[in-house]
Amino acid sequence: MAKRVRHDDRGGREADERGIAAPSGLPTTTNPMKLKYDPQLIYDVGMNNGDDTAYYLRRGFRVLAIEANPDLVANAAKRFADEVATKRLMILNVGIAAEEGVLSFWICETDSRLSSFDRRLASLDGSCPHHEIRVPCRRFRSLLEEFGVPFYVKVDIQGNDFLCVEDLDPHQLPKFISVSEVTLLALLRKRGFNYFKCISQTHFLPLQLPPVVETGRVQRAEWLRQNRNPLIRAWRKLGGRHWIQWQLNRTRTSDGWVFPEGSSGPFGDELLGRWLSYDELSKTLGEFLRLRQESPRSLLWAPEGIFAVRSVCGSRSVEWSNPFWVDLHARRD
């Protein structure tokens, strides 16, 4: 049976009945394009299972979701069928690359979040089962030209985050952006972002000195959860575990929404902590590295948070160095 298509009047695109748009090339323009800013639009670049998209939709935004993995796209099309039908969501089954065309993409079979155009990243240096597929790719700039500059861009595309930042126009920036690589701090500043936050992906707490009040609450809860004192262990069995879990979940909850494990969490001005200048954040990151070396277990995120990332590949447990397991958020002004 032939696949039915419809015209999408937002960008001249064609989309099938599931709301999945086919890839298109760069617009052909002679003069530099003035991009439209849309304060009601969010880009979810690296949609994965759709948990971030679900939160953005709940907040009342329209979402452009970009995902290279066709299986994840098909699942999201079913999950968000109503939102696709009402044009609150469009899903693009494309990858973001430095050039247009069809490229090899590597699917990590144990954790879809690790899938990447870089085989080494997708396989954790060959330790995880993975396989190759071919996916259509677009420059990030072409999406901006077609759909406009959004209010917020979330980028988490294992190894290719920098391509999205590089394609931004310093004079036409989204108000907020987040990336999964702290190393992009200097590039974000160069593009025109002036204020920054590093947000832990375990409890969505900022790397900030002095720490926010919520940090102390989570530290106490973690201490009570791990303490082996007989009295504290008895207290946990009598119901203390529920109190501990409630404390740990407080920073993973926003207006009744509980952020699932693996999701990017809140964004923009709803993030905890102060917005830091480039110099302030650079110094803060250096100080956290120093504190880690002096006393790794003295910090909230230490044994299993941002200082180590673990993944189980089959029966083999792999650990690799990643000093800060955070998302880097930036604000335009």
Protein backbone atom coordinates (compact mmCIF):
# COMPACT_ATOMS: atom_id res chain seq x y z
CA MET A 1 0.00 0.00 0.00
CA ALA A 2 1.35 3.45 -0.85
CA LYS A 3 2.09 5.68 2.12
CA ARG A 4 -0.25 8.65 2.38
CA VAL A 5 1.45 12.02 2.74
CA ARG A 6 0.18 15.44 3.60
CA HIS A 7 1.53 18.91 3.17
CA ASP A 8 2.67 20.69 6.32
CA ASP A 9 1.91 24.41 6.00
CA ARG A 10 4.48 25.35 8.67
CA GLY A 11 7.47 24.79 6.44
CA GLY A 12 6.39 23.41 3.11
CA ARG A 13 7.35 19.91 4.27
CA GLU A 14 5.59 16.67 3.56
CA ALA A 15 4.81 14.34 6.45
CA ASP A 16 3.17 10.94 6.49
CA GLU A 17 0.10 10.13 8.56
CA ARG A 18 2.27 9.44 11.61
CA GLY A 19 3.66 12.98 11.59
CA ILE A 20 7.15 11.80 10.64
CA ALA A 21 8.69 14.16 8.13
CA ALA A 22 11.06 13.04 5.42
CA PRO A 23 14.48 14.71 5.19
CA SER A 24 15.04 17.65 2.90
CA GLY A 25 18.09 19.51 1.73
CA LEU A 26 19.33 22.98 2.59
CA PRO A 27 17.09 25.79 1.37
CA THR A 28 18.55 27.49 -1.66
CA THR A 29 18.79 31.21 -0.96
CA THR A 30 20.87 33.85 -2.58
CA ASN A 31 20.82 36.29 0.35
CA PRO A 32 21.41 35.58 4.05
CA MET A 33 18.15 34.48 5.62
CA LYS A 34 16.51 36.38 8.45
CA LEU A 35 15.32 33.63 10.73
CA LYS A 36 11.98 33.78 12.50
CA TYR A 37 12.05 33.55 16.30
CA ASP A 38 9.28 31.40 17.76
CA PRO A 39 8.94 31.75 21.58
CA GLN A 40 6.47 28.84 21.70
CA LEU A 41 8.79 26.33 20.02
CA ILE A 42 11.34 23.91 21.51
CA TYR A 43 13.82 21.75 19.61
CA ASP A 44 14.44 18.33 21.17
CA VAL A 45 17.62 17.30 19.34
CA GLY A 46 18.21 13.69 20.33
CA MET A 47 14.64 12.81 21.31
CA ASN A 48 15.54 9.24 22.35
CA ASN A 49 12.47 7.71 24.08
CA GLY A 50 10.51 10.97 24.13
CA ASP A 51 10.54 11.67 27.87
CA ASP A 52 11.91 15.19 27.35
CA THR A 53 9.45 15.87 24.55
CA ALA A 54 6.61 14.80 26.86
CA TYR A 55 7.67 17.37 29.44
CA TYR A 56 7.96 20.20 26.91
CA LEU A 57 4.51 19.40 25.56
CA ARG A 58 3.09 19.41 29.08
CA ARG A 59 4.57 22.87 29.56
CA GLY A 60 2.50 24.03 26.61
CA PHE A 61 5.24 24.33 23.99
CA ARG A 62 5.20 23.01 20.46
CA VAL A 63 8.10 20.65 19.82
CA LEU A 64 10.30 19.76 16.89
CA ALA A 65 11.85 16.41 17.83
CA ILE A 66 14.92 15.17 15.95
CA GLU A 67 15.96 11.52 16.23
CA ALA A 68 18.19 9.35 14.03
CA ASN A 69 17.02 5.97 15.36
CA PRO A 70 13.95 4.90 13.31
CA ASP A 71 12.71 2.50 15.99
CA LEU A 72 12.59 5.29 18.56
CA VAL A 73 10.84 7.52 16.04
CA ALA A 74 8.18 4.87 15.39
CA ASN A 75 7.59 4.41 19.13
CA ALA A 76 7.29 8.17 19.66
CA ALA A 77 4.85 8.51 16.78
CA LYS A 78 2.54 6.08 18.60
CA ARG A 79 3.12 7.60 22.02
CA PHE A 80 2.37 11.13 20.83
CA ALA A 81 -0.23 10.37 18.17
CA ASP A 82 -2.63 13.05 19.47
CA GLU A 83 0.05 15.73 19.66
CA VAL A 84 1.22 14.90 16.13
CA ALA A 85 -2.36 15.03 14.85
CA THR A 86 -2.91 18.48 16.38
CA LYS A 87 0.45 19.71 15.02
CA ARG A 88 1.88 20.38 18.46
CA LEU A 89 4.68 17.95 17.63
CA MET A 90 6.67 17.14 14.53
CA ILE A 91 9.19 14.30 14.54
CA LEU A 92 12.07 14.31 12.08
CA ASN A 93 13.75 10.95 11.47
CA VAL A 94 17.14 12.44 10.61
CA GLY A 95 20.60 12.71 12.08
CA ILE A 96 22.54 15.93 12.60
CA ALA A 97 25.81 15.91 10.70
CA ALA A 98 28.37 18.23 9.14
CA GLU A 99 27.09 17.41 5.67
CA GLU A 100 23.82 16.49 4.02
CA GLY A 101 23.37 12.92 2.85
CA VAL A 102 22.98 9.38 4.12
CA LEU A 103 25.56 8.30 6.71
CA SER A 104 26.36 5.30 8.91
CA PHE A 105 24.81 5.48 12.39
CA TRP A 106 25.67 3.02 15.15
CA ILE A 107 22.91 1.71 17.42
CA CYS A 108 23.99 0.73 20.93
CA GLU A 109 21.91 -2.36 21.73
CA THR A 110 22.10 -1.98 25.52
CA ASP A 111 21.42 1.75 25.90
CA SER A 112 19.83 3.75 23.10
CA ARG A 113 21.18 6.99 24.56
CA LEU A 114 24.70 5.93 23.56
CA SER A 115 23.91 5.47 19.85
CA SER A 116 26.12 7.68 17.73
CA PHE A 117 27.73 8.38 14.38
CA ASP A 118 30.96 7.56 16.21
CA ARG A 119 31.23 3.78 16.50
CA ARG A 120 33.66 4.07 19.43
CA LEU A 121 31.13 6.03 21.49
CA ALA A 122 28.19 3.81 20.60
CA SER A 123 30.08 0.64 21.55
CA LEU A 124 32.03 2.04 24.52
CA ASP A 125 35.25 1.18 22.72
CA GLY A 126 33.93 -2.16 21.52
CA SER A 127 32.59 -3.40 24.85
CA CYS A 128 28.86 -3.11 24.03
CA PRO A 129 26.93 -4.91 21.30
CA HIS A 130 25.99 -2.54 18.49
CA HIS A 131 25.02 -2.52 14.84
CA GLU A 132 25.09 -0.17 11.88
CA ILE A 133 22.19 1.47 10.09
CA ARG A 134 22.12 4.15 7.41
CA VAL A 135 20.25 7.36 8.17
CA PRO A 136 19.49 10.56 6.27
CA CYS A 137 21.29 13.57 7.71
CA ARG A 138 20.85 17.31 7.74
CA ARG A 139 22.84 20.33 8.81
CA PHE A 140 21.35 21.90 11.93
CA ARG A 141 21.36 25.23 10.16
CA SER A 142 18.86 23.91 7.62
CA LEU A 143 16.39 23.16 10.44
CA LEU A 144 16.69 26.70 11.78
CA GLU A 145 16.06 28.08 8.29
CA GLU A 146 13.03 25.87 7.82
CA PHE A 147 11.36 25.97 11.22
CA GLY A 148 12.76 29.11 12.83
CA VAL A 149 14.77 29.88 15.96
CA PRO A 150 13.14 28.24 19.01
CA PHE A 151 12.84 29.44 22.59
CA TYR A 152 14.99 26.54 23.80
CA VAL A 153 17.20 23.93 22.16
CA LYS A 154 18.01 20.71 23.99
CA VAL A 155 20.93 18.92 22.39
CA ASP A 156 22.05 15.42 23.37
CA ILE A 157 23.39 13.61 20.31
CA GLN A 158 26.39 11.61 21.50
CA GLY A 159 29.46 13.21 19.98
CA ASN A 160 27.76 15.69 17.64
CA ASP A 161 26.45 18.36 20.03
CA PHE A 162 29.06 20.79 18.75
CA LEU A 163 27.56 20.78 15.25
CA CYS A 164 24.36 22.37 16.56
CA VAL A 165 26.27 25.09 18.41
CA GLU A 166 28.51 25.82 15.43
CA ASP A 167 25.49 26.36 13.16
CA LEU A 168 23.92 28.99 15.42
CA ASP A 169 23.92 32.62 14.25
CA PRO A 170 25.24 34.89 17.05
CA HIS A 171 22.64 37.49 16.04
CA GLN A 172 19.72 35.05 16.02
CA LEU A 173 20.03 32.81 19.06
CA PRO A 174 17.48 30.83 21.06
CA LYS A 175 16.94 32.23 24.52
CA PHE A 176 18.18 29.00 26.13
CA ILE A 177 20.21 26.00 25.03
CA SER A 178 21.56 22.90 26.76
CA VAL A 179 24.24 20.47 25.61
CA SER A 180 25.63 17.29 27.11
CA GLU A 181 29.30 18.30 26.83
CA VAL A 182 30.94 20.75 29.26
CA THR A 183 33.78 21.15 26.75
CA LEU A 184 31.47 23.32 24.63
CA LEU A 185 31.51 26.15 27.17
CA ALA A 186 33.97 28.29 25.18
CA LEU A 187 32.14 27.69 21.90
CA LEU A 188 28.82 28.70 23.47
CA ARG A 189 30.38 31.93 24.70
CA LYS A 190 31.83 32.56 21.25
CA ARG A 191 28.38 32.13 19.74
CA GLY A 192 26.98 34.82 22.03
CA PHE A 193 25.66 33.10 25.16
CA ASN A 194 26.63 35.00 28.30
CA TYR A 195 25.37 33.03 31.32
CA PHE A 196 25.73 29.37 32.20
CA LYS A 197 24.77 26.58 34.60
CA CYS A 198 26.12 23.04 34.93
CA ILE A 199 23.29 20.81 36.14
CA SER A 200 23.92 17.38 37.65
CA GLN A 201 21.94 14.69 35.89
CA THR A 202 21.42 12.66 39.05
CA HIS A 203 19.42 15.20 41.05
CA PHE A 204 19.34 18.25 38.73
CA LEU A 205 21.43 20.29 41.14
CA PRO A 206 23.82 23.01 39.95
CA LEU A 207 27.58 22.88 40.27
CA GLN A 208 27.80 26.01 42.33
CA LEU A 209 29.79 27.31 45.28
CA PRO A 210 28.43 27.88 47.82
CA PRO A 211 25.92 25.10 47.01
CA VAL A 212 22.18 25.63 46.91
CA VAL A 213 20.10 24.61 49.95
CA GLU A 214 18.73 21.60 48.08
CA THR A 215 22.23 20.16 47.89
CA GLY A 216 22.39 19.78 51.67
CA ARG A 217 19.01 18.05 51.73
CA VAL A 218 20.09 15.50 49.16
CA GLN A 219 23.43 14.98 50.90
CA ARG A 220 21.67 14.16 54.16
CA ALA A 221 19.27 11.80 52.42
CA GLU A 222 22.15 10.02 50.64
CA TRP A 223 24.04 9.73 53.94
CA LEU A 224 21.01 8.17 55.63
CA ARG A 225 20.45 5.83 52.67
CA GLN A 226 24.01 4.50 52.74
CA ASN A 227 24.75 4.57 56.48
CA ARG A 228 25.27 1.13 58.05
CA ASN A 229 24.70 2.19 61.66
CA PRO A 230 22.32 -0.41 63.24
CA LEU A 231 19.95 2.26 64.54
CA ILE A 232 19.71 4.00 61.18
CA ARG A 233 19.25 0.67 59.40
CA ALA A 234 16.38 -0.13 61.77
CA TRP A 235 14.87 3.31 61.10
CA ARG A 236 15.01 2.67 57.36
CA LYS A 237 13.16 -0.64 57.80
CA LEU A 238 10.47 1.08 59.89
CA GLY A 239 9.63 3.51 57.12
CA GLY A 240 12.64 5.77 56.86
CA ARG A 241 13.25 4.63 53.29
CA HIS A 242 10.10 6.42 52.18
CA TRP A 243 11.28 9.69 53.73
CA ILE A 244 14.71 9.28 52.11
CA GLN A 245 13.18 8.62 48.71
CA TRP A 246 10.89 11.62 49.10
CA GLN A 247 13.88 13.85 49.79
CA LEU A 248 15.79 12.45 46.81
CA ASN A 249 12.80 12.92 44.50
CA ARG A 250 12.15 16.55 45.45
CA THR A 251 14.64 17.93 42.95
CA ARG A 252 13.38 15.50 40.30
CA THR A 253 9.84 16.86 40.57
CA SER A 254 8.39 20.03 39.07
CA ASP A 255 4.76 21.06 39.46
CA GLY A 256 3.63 17.45 39.78
CA TRP A 257 5.88 16.17 37.00
CA VAL A 258 8.47 13.55 37.99
CA PHE A 259 11.44 13.50 35.62
CA PRO A 260 12.17 9.89 34.63
CA GLU A 261 15.67 8.51 34.92
CA GLY A 262 17.69 9.45 31.86
CA SER A 263 15.66 12.54 31.03
CA SER A 264 17.28 15.96 30.75
CA GLY A 265 15.14 17.57 33.43
CA PRO A 266 14.10 21.21 33.79
CA PHE A 267 15.46 24.02 31.66
CA GLY A 268 15.74 27.79 31.43
CA ASP A 269 14.84 29.88 34.45
CA GLU A 270 13.22 26.92 36.24
CA LEU A 271 16.69 25.48 36.93
CA LEU A 272 18.05 25.71 40.46
CA GLY A 273 21.00 27.97 41.23
CA ARG A 274 22.50 31.17 39.87
CA TRP A 275 23.39 31.89 36.29
CA LEU A 276 27.18 32.19 36.18
CA SER A 277 29.40 34.14 33.83
CA TYR A 278 31.94 32.29 31.70
CA ASP A 279 34.75 33.16 34.12
CA GLU A 280 32.70 32.18 37.18
CA LEU A 281 31.76 28.79 35.77
CA SER A 282 35.31 28.09 34.58
CA LYS A 283 36.61 28.74 38.11
CA THR A 284 33.81 26.65 39.63
CA LEU A 285 34.60 23.67 37.43
CA GLY A 286 38.26 23.93 38.39
CA GLU A 287 37.36 24.07 42.08
CA PHE A 288 35.14 21.00 41.83
CA LEU A 289 37.96 19.07 40.18
CA ARG A 290 40.30 20.10 42.99
CA LEU A 291 37.79 19.07 45.68
CA ARG A 292 37.27 15.74 43.97
CA GLN A 293 40.98 14.99 44.13
CA GLU A 294 41.16 15.95 47.82
CA SER A 295 38.09 14.06 48.99
CA PRO A 296 36.02 12.29 46.31
CA ARG A 297 33.29 11.21 48.72
CA SER A 298 32.81 14.65 50.26
CA LEU A 299 30.72 15.90 47.34
CA LEU A 300 27.12 15.12 46.68
CA TRP A 301 27.58 13.51 43.30
CA ALA A 302 30.71 11.58 44.13
CA PRO A 303 30.41 7.89 44.13
CA GLU A 304 27.75 7.34 41.48
CA GLY A 305 26.82 10.73 40.14
CA ILE A 306 28.69 13.05 37.85
CA PHE A 307 32.15 11.71 38.64
CA ALA A 308 31.59 8.30 37.08
CA VAL A 309 29.33 6.88 34.44
CA ARG A 310 28.55 3.19 34.47
CA SER A 311 26.85 1.07 31.89
CA VAL A 312 26.21 -2.64 31.91
CA CYS A 313 26.81 -4.24 28.53
CA GLY A 314 25.47 -7.76 28.72
CA SER A 315 27.25 -9.35 31.65
CA ARG A 316 30.17 -6.94 31.57
CA SER A 317 30.25 -3.74 33.62
CA VAL A 318 32.20 -0.89 32.06
CA GLU A 319 33.32 2.31 33.76
CA TRP A 320 35.04 5.18 32.04
CA SER A 321 36.25 8.62 33.04
CA ASN A 322 33.77 11.50 32.90
CA PRO A 323 34.54 14.05 35.64
CA PHE A 324 31.23 15.89 35.31
CA TRP A 325 28.06 14.04 34.44
CA VAL A 326 26.12 17.21 33.78
CA ASP A 327 24.25 19.08 31.12
CA LEU A 328 25.62 22.52 30.33
CA HIS A 329 22.88 25.12 30.06
CA ALA A 330 23.36 28.57 28.54
CA ARG A 331 21.27 31.74 28.43
CA ARG A 332 21.40 34.33 25.70
CA ASP A 333 21.17 37.44 27.89
